[in-house]
Amino acid sequence: MVSEIFLRKKMELFKRIKKGGSLTKDLKKAIIDVYGSRGKKALEVIRWRRVMKRDNRWFVRGKSDEYEIVQAYCTCRDYVLNIVTEKVDVDMCYHALAKKICELLDAHYVSG
């Protein structure tokens, strides 16, 4: 189960992202501070325009596959093995986090 401390940091982070409107250096640091390596990977897929919205469906291209993200749920191995089983103190894989960041910023690569 994720800690109360994590949940507070996450909610504050998401408010800052939505209010900020863009990914500043400080926001990027805050994302990594809260989500660690998953935050860093999320920022990388955003930078490489691998977060896509097709109609009302969100997809993120990872290292080896493309994943559909429904709310905060993902079919990737990290989500299934670590997030669902609560082995880590975060609530999203980097694919779902990247989607959430883009959703908060209302920014995404739209493909056909």
N, C-alpha and C. Protein backbone atom coordinates (compact mmCIF):
# COMPACT_ATOMS: atom_id res chain seq x y z
N MET A 1 0.84 -1.18 0.00
CA MET A 1 0.00 0.00 0.00
C MET A 1 0.89 1.25 0.00
N VAL A 2 0.51 2.22 -0.79
CA VAL A 2 1.29 3.45 -0.82
C VAL A 2 1.07 4.24 0.46
N SER A 3 2.09 4.96 0.86
CA SER A 3 2.05 5.70 2.12
C SER A 3 1.24 6.99 2.00
N GLU A 4 0.79 7.47 3.14
CA GLU A 4 0.09 8.75 3.19
C GLU A 4 1.01 9.88 2.73
N ILE A 5 2.28 9.78 3.08
CA ILE A 5 3.26 10.80 2.66
C ILE A 5 3.33 10.85 1.14
N PHE A 6 3.43 9.67 0.51
CA PHE A 6 3.46 9.62 -0.95
C PHE A 6 2.21 10.25 -1.54
N LEU A 7 1.05 9.89 -1.02
CA LEU A 7 -0.22 10.41 -1.56
C LEU A 7 -0.29 11.93 -1.46
N ARG A 8 0.17 12.49 -0.35
CA ARG A 8 0.19 13.96 -0.21
C ARG A 8 1.12 14.59 -1.24
N LYS A 9 2.33 14.02 -1.38
CA LYS A 9 3.29 14.55 -2.36
C LYS A 9 2.73 14.46 -3.77
N LYS A 10 2.08 13.35 -4.07
CA LYS A 10 1.49 13.15 -5.40
C LYS A 10 0.42 14.19 -5.69
N MET A 11 -0.49 14.40 -4.75
CA MET A 11 -1.58 15.36 -4.96
C MET A 11 -1.03 16.77 -5.15
N GLU A 12 -0.04 17.14 -4.35
CA GLU A 12 0.59 18.46 -4.49
C GLU A 12 1.27 18.58 -5.85
N LEU A 13 1.98 17.53 -6.25
CA LEU A 13 2.66 17.52 -7.55
C LEU A 13 1.66 17.71 -8.69
N PHE A 14 0.57 16.95 -8.67
CA PHE A 14 -0.41 17.04 -9.75
C PHE A 14 -1.06 18.42 -9.81
N LYS A 15 -1.29 19.03 -8.66
CA LYS A 15 -1.82 20.41 -8.64
C LYS A 15 -0.83 21.37 -9.28
N ARG A 16 0.45 21.21 -8.95
CA ARG A 16 1.49 22.08 -9.52
C ARG A 16 1.60 21.91 -11.03
N ILE A 17 1.52 20.67 -11.51
CA ILE A 17 1.61 20.41 -12.95
C ILE A 17 0.44 21.08 -13.66
N LYS A 18 -0.76 20.87 -13.16
CA LYS A 18 -1.95 21.44 -13.80
C LYS A 18 -1.90 22.97 -13.79
N LYS A 19 -1.47 23.54 -12.67
CA LYS A 19 -1.40 25.00 -12.55
C LYS A 19 -0.29 25.57 -13.43
N GLY A 20 0.83 24.85 -13.53
CA GLY A 20 1.99 25.36 -14.25
C GLY A 20 1.81 25.45 -15.75
N GLY A 21 1.11 24.49 -16.33
CA GLY A 21 0.85 24.53 -17.76
C GLY A 21 1.99 24.05 -18.64
N SER A 22 3.19 23.89 -18.09
CA SER A 22 4.31 23.35 -18.86
C SER A 22 5.29 22.70 -17.90
N LEU A 23 6.16 21.88 -18.46
CA LEU A 23 7.13 21.15 -17.63
C LEU A 23 8.40 21.97 -17.45
N THR A 24 8.43 22.74 -16.40
CA THR A 24 9.61 23.53 -16.07
C THR A 24 10.66 22.61 -15.45
N LYS A 25 11.85 23.14 -15.31
CA LYS A 25 12.93 22.39 -14.68
C LYS A 25 12.55 21.98 -13.25
N ASP A 26 11.92 22.89 -12.51
CA ASP A 26 11.50 22.59 -11.14
C ASP A 26 10.43 21.50 -11.09
N LEU A 27 9.49 21.54 -12.03
CA LEU A 27 8.46 20.50 -12.06
C LEU A 27 9.05 19.15 -12.42
N LYS A 28 9.98 19.13 -13.35
CA LYS A 28 10.64 17.86 -13.71
C LYS A 28 11.35 17.27 -12.51
N LYS A 29 12.03 18.12 -11.76
CA LYS A 29 12.72 17.66 -10.55
C LYS A 29 11.71 17.13 -9.54
N ALA A 30 10.59 17.81 -9.38
CA ALA A 30 9.55 17.37 -8.44
C ALA A 30 8.96 16.02 -8.85
N ILE A 31 8.76 15.82 -10.14
CA ILE A 31 8.25 14.54 -10.64
C ILE A 31 9.21 13.41 -10.29
N ILE A 32 10.49 13.65 -10.50
CA ILE A 32 11.50 12.64 -10.18
C ILE A 32 11.60 12.44 -8.67
N ASP A 33 11.48 13.51 -7.90
CA ASP A 33 11.52 13.39 -6.43
C ASP A 33 10.38 12.51 -5.92
N VAL A 34 9.20 12.63 -6.50
CA VAL A 34 8.05 11.86 -6.03
C VAL A 34 8.05 10.44 -6.60
N TYR A 35 8.36 10.29 -7.89
CA TYR A 35 8.23 8.99 -8.56
C TYR A 35 9.55 8.29 -8.86
N GLY A 36 10.68 8.91 -8.56
CA GLY A 36 11.98 8.27 -8.75
C GLY A 36 12.25 7.93 -10.20
N SER A 37 12.78 6.73 -10.45
CA SER A 37 13.14 6.33 -11.81
C SER A 37 11.93 6.28 -12.73
N ARG A 38 10.77 5.98 -12.19
CA ARG A 38 9.56 5.98 -13.02
C ARG A 38 9.23 7.39 -13.50
N GLY A 39 9.48 8.39 -12.66
CA GLY A 39 9.30 9.77 -13.06
C GLY A 39 10.25 10.17 -14.17
N LYS A 40 11.49 9.74 -14.04
CA LYS A 40 12.49 10.04 -15.07
C LYS A 40 12.11 9.40 -16.41
N LYS A 41 11.68 8.14 -16.37
CA LYS A 41 11.26 7.45 -17.60
C LYS A 41 10.01 8.10 -18.20
N ALA A 42 9.08 8.53 -17.35
CA ALA A 42 7.87 9.20 -17.85
C ALA A 42 8.24 10.47 -18.60
N LEU A 43 9.16 11.24 -18.05
CA LEU A 43 9.60 12.47 -18.72
C LEU A 43 10.28 12.17 -20.05
N GLU A 44 11.02 11.06 -20.11
CA GLU A 44 11.68 10.68 -21.37
C GLU A 44 10.66 10.35 -22.45
N VAL A 45 9.62 9.56 -22.13
CA VAL A 45 8.64 9.22 -23.17
C VAL A 45 7.84 10.44 -23.59
N ILE A 46 7.63 11.38 -22.68
CA ILE A 46 6.96 12.63 -23.05
C ILE A 46 7.85 13.42 -24.00
N ARG A 47 9.12 13.53 -23.65
CA ARG A 47 10.06 14.29 -24.49
C ARG A 47 10.15 13.69 -25.90
N TRP A 48 10.12 12.37 -26.00
CA TRP A 48 10.22 11.71 -27.30
C TRP A 48 8.87 11.54 -27.97
N ARG A 49 7.85 12.22 -27.46
CA ARG A 49 6.50 12.22 -28.05
C ARG A 49 5.94 10.81 -28.23
N ARG A 50 6.06 10.02 -27.19
CA ARG A 50 5.56 8.65 -27.23
C ARG A 50 4.24 8.49 -26.48
N VAL A 51 3.65 9.61 -26.09
CA VAL A 51 2.33 9.59 -25.45
C VAL A 51 1.33 10.07 -26.49
N MET A 52 0.37 9.22 -26.80
CA MET A 52 -0.57 9.54 -27.88
C MET A 52 -2.00 9.39 -27.42
N LYS A 53 -2.83 10.27 -27.92
CA LYS A 53 -4.27 10.16 -27.67
C LYS A 53 -4.94 9.94 -29.02
N ARG A 54 -5.63 8.83 -29.13
CA ARG A 54 -6.38 8.51 -30.34
C ARG A 54 -7.85 8.45 -29.95
N ASP A 55 -8.62 9.36 -30.51
CA ASP A 55 -10.01 9.54 -30.08
C ASP A 55 -9.99 9.81 -28.58
N ASN A 56 -10.60 8.99 -27.78
CA ASN A 56 -10.59 9.19 -26.32
C ASN A 56 -9.71 8.16 -25.61
N ARG A 57 -8.84 7.50 -26.35
CA ARG A 57 -8.00 6.44 -25.79
C ARG A 57 -6.54 6.91 -25.76
N TRP A 58 -5.85 6.61 -24.66
CA TRP A 58 -4.45 7.00 -24.47
C TRP A 58 -3.54 5.80 -24.65
N PHE A 59 -2.41 6.03 -25.34
CA PHE A 59 -1.40 5.00 -25.56
C PHE A 59 -0.03 5.57 -25.26
N VAL A 60 0.85 4.72 -24.75
CA VAL A 60 2.23 5.12 -24.51
C VAL A 60 3.13 4.04 -25.10
N ARG A 61 4.06 4.48 -25.94
CA ARG A 61 5.04 3.56 -26.50
C ARG A 61 6.21 3.43 -25.53
N GLY A 62 6.39 2.24 -25.00
CA GLY A 62 7.50 1.96 -24.10
C GLY A 62 8.71 1.46 -24.87
N LYS A 63 9.61 0.79 -24.16
CA LYS A 63 10.83 0.27 -24.78
C LYS A 63 10.53 -0.78 -25.84
N SER A 64 9.60 -1.67 -25.53
CA SER A 64 9.39 -2.80 -26.43
C SER A 64 7.95 -2.97 -26.91
N ASP A 65 7.04 -2.16 -26.42
CA ASP A 65 5.64 -2.35 -26.79
C ASP A 65 4.87 -1.04 -26.62
N GLU A 66 3.66 -1.03 -27.14
CA GLU A 66 2.78 0.11 -26.94
C GLU A 66 1.67 -0.34 -25.99
N TYR A 67 1.39 0.50 -24.98
CA TYR A 67 0.42 0.15 -23.96
C TYR A 67 -0.74 1.12 -23.97
N GLU A 68 -1.94 0.57 -23.84
CA GLU A 68 -3.11 1.43 -23.66
C GLU A 68 -3.26 1.70 -22.17
N ILE A 69 -3.45 2.97 -21.83
CA ILE A 69 -3.60 3.35 -20.43
C ILE A 69 -5.06 3.74 -20.21
N VAL A 70 -5.70 3.06 -19.29
CA VAL A 70 -7.08 3.35 -18.92
C VAL A 70 -7.05 3.86 -17.49
N GLN A 71 -7.39 5.13 -17.33
CA GLN A 71 -7.25 5.84 -16.06
C GLN A 71 -5.80 5.73 -15.62
N ALA A 72 -5.49 4.98 -14.56
CA ALA A 72 -4.10 4.81 -14.13
C ALA A 72 -3.65 3.36 -14.30
N TYR A 73 -4.39 2.58 -15.07
CA TYR A 73 -4.11 1.16 -15.23
C TYR A 73 -3.35 0.90 -16.52
N CYS A 74 -2.37 0.00 -16.43
CA CYS A 74 -1.53 -0.34 -17.58
C CYS A 74 -1.33 -1.85 -17.60
N THR A 75 -1.03 -2.37 -18.78
CA THR A 75 -0.81 -3.81 -18.90
C THR A 75 0.67 -4.17 -18.92
N CYS A 76 1.54 -3.23 -18.63
CA CYS A 76 2.98 -3.52 -18.65
C CYS A 76 3.37 -4.42 -17.48
N ARG A 77 4.52 -5.00 -17.60
CA ARG A 77 5.04 -5.91 -16.58
C ARG A 77 5.23 -5.21 -15.23
N ASP A 78 5.77 -3.99 -15.24
CA ASP A 78 6.00 -3.26 -13.99
C ASP A 78 4.68 -3.05 -13.24
N TYR A 79 3.65 -2.67 -13.96
CA TYR A 79 2.35 -2.45 -13.31
C TYR A 79 1.83 -3.73 -12.68
N VAL A 80 1.87 -4.82 -13.45
CA VAL A 80 1.33 -6.09 -12.97
C VAL A 80 2.16 -6.66 -11.82
N LEU A 81 3.48 -6.60 -11.92
CA LEU A 81 4.34 -7.22 -10.91
C LEU A 81 4.61 -6.36 -9.69
N ASN A 82 4.64 -5.05 -9.85
CA ASN A 82 5.05 -4.18 -8.74
C ASN A 82 3.97 -3.25 -8.22
N ILE A 83 3.19 -2.65 -9.11
CA ILE A 83 2.19 -1.68 -8.67
C ILE A 83 0.98 -2.39 -8.06
N VAL A 84 0.42 -3.35 -8.79
CA VAL A 84 -0.77 -4.06 -8.30
C VAL A 84 -0.46 -4.81 -7.01
N THR A 85 0.71 -5.40 -6.92
CA THR A 85 1.08 -6.18 -5.74
C THR A 85 1.61 -5.31 -4.60
N GLU A 86 1.68 -4.01 -4.85
CA GLU A 86 2.10 -3.02 -3.84
C GLU A 86 3.51 -3.28 -3.31
N LYS A 87 4.39 -3.72 -4.19
CA LYS A 87 5.78 -3.95 -3.79
C LYS A 87 6.59 -2.66 -3.73
N VAL A 88 6.04 -1.60 -4.30
CA VAL A 88 6.73 -0.31 -4.32
C VAL A 88 5.81 0.76 -3.76
N ASP A 89 6.40 1.87 -3.32
CA ASP A 89 5.62 2.95 -2.72
C ASP A 89 5.25 4.01 -3.75
N VAL A 90 4.75 3.56 -4.90
CA VAL A 90 4.18 4.45 -5.92
C VAL A 90 2.92 3.78 -6.44
N ASP A 91 2.10 4.55 -7.14
CA ASP A 91 0.82 4.02 -7.58
C ASP A 91 0.66 3.90 -9.09
N MET A 92 1.74 4.18 -9.84
CA MET A 92 1.66 4.11 -11.29
C MET A 92 2.99 3.66 -11.88
N CYS A 93 2.91 2.96 -13.00
CA CYS A 93 4.11 2.70 -13.79
C CYS A 93 4.44 3.98 -14.56
N TYR A 94 5.58 4.00 -15.24
CA TYR A 94 5.95 5.24 -15.94
C TYR A 94 5.04 5.53 -17.12
N HIS A 95 4.45 4.50 -17.73
CA HIS A 95 3.53 4.72 -18.85
C HIS A 95 2.30 5.51 -18.37
N ALA A 96 1.70 5.03 -17.27
CA ALA A 96 0.51 5.69 -16.72
C ALA A 96 0.84 7.08 -16.20
N LEU A 97 2.03 7.24 -15.62
CA LEU A 97 2.44 8.55 -15.13
C LEU A 97 2.62 9.53 -16.29
N ALA A 98 3.24 9.09 -17.37
CA ALA A 98 3.42 9.96 -18.54
C ALA A 98 2.07 10.39 -19.09
N LYS A 99 1.13 9.47 -19.17
CA LYS A 99 -0.22 9.79 -19.63
C LYS A 99 -0.87 10.81 -18.71
N LYS A 100 -0.74 10.62 -17.40
CA LYS A 100 -1.35 11.53 -16.43
C LYS A 100 -0.77 12.93 -16.55
N ILE A 101 0.54 13.02 -16.70
CA ILE A 101 1.20 14.33 -16.85
C ILE A 101 0.67 15.03 -18.10
N CYS A 102 0.62 14.31 -19.21
CA CYS A 102 0.12 14.91 -20.46
C CYS A 102 -1.34 15.31 -20.33
N GLU A 103 -2.11 14.50 -19.66
CA GLU A 103 -3.52 14.81 -19.44
C GLU A 103 -3.66 16.10 -18.62
N LEU A 104 -2.87 16.24 -17.57
CA LEU A 104 -2.92 17.44 -16.74
C LEU A 104 -2.50 18.68 -17.52
N LEU A 105 -1.54 18.51 -18.43
CA LEU A 105 -1.05 19.63 -19.23
C LEU A 105 -1.90 19.87 -20.48
N ASP A 106 -2.85 18.96 -20.73
CA ASP A 106 -3.64 18.98 -21.96
C ASP A 106 -2.71 18.99 -23.18
N ALA A 107 -1.69 18.14 -23.09
CA ALA A 107 -0.70 18.06 -24.17
C ALA A 107 -0.50 16.60 -24.54
N HIS A 108 -0.55 16.32 -25.83
CA HIS A 108 -0.34 14.95 -26.30
C HIS A 108 -0.11 14.98 -27.79
N TYR A 109 0.54 13.95 -28.26
CA TYR A 109 0.74 13.77 -29.68
C TYR A 109 -0.49 13.06 -30.21
N VAL A 110 -1.17 13.65 -31.13
CA VAL A 110 -2.39 13.05 -31.67
C VAL A 110 -2.04 12.35 -32.97
N SER A 111 -2.36 11.07 -33.04
CA SER A 111 -2.09 10.34 -34.28
C SER A 111 -3.40 9.88 -34.88
N GLY A 112 -3.40 9.85 -36.21
CA GLY A 112 -4.50 9.45 -37.05
C GLY A 112 -5.53 8.69 -36.41
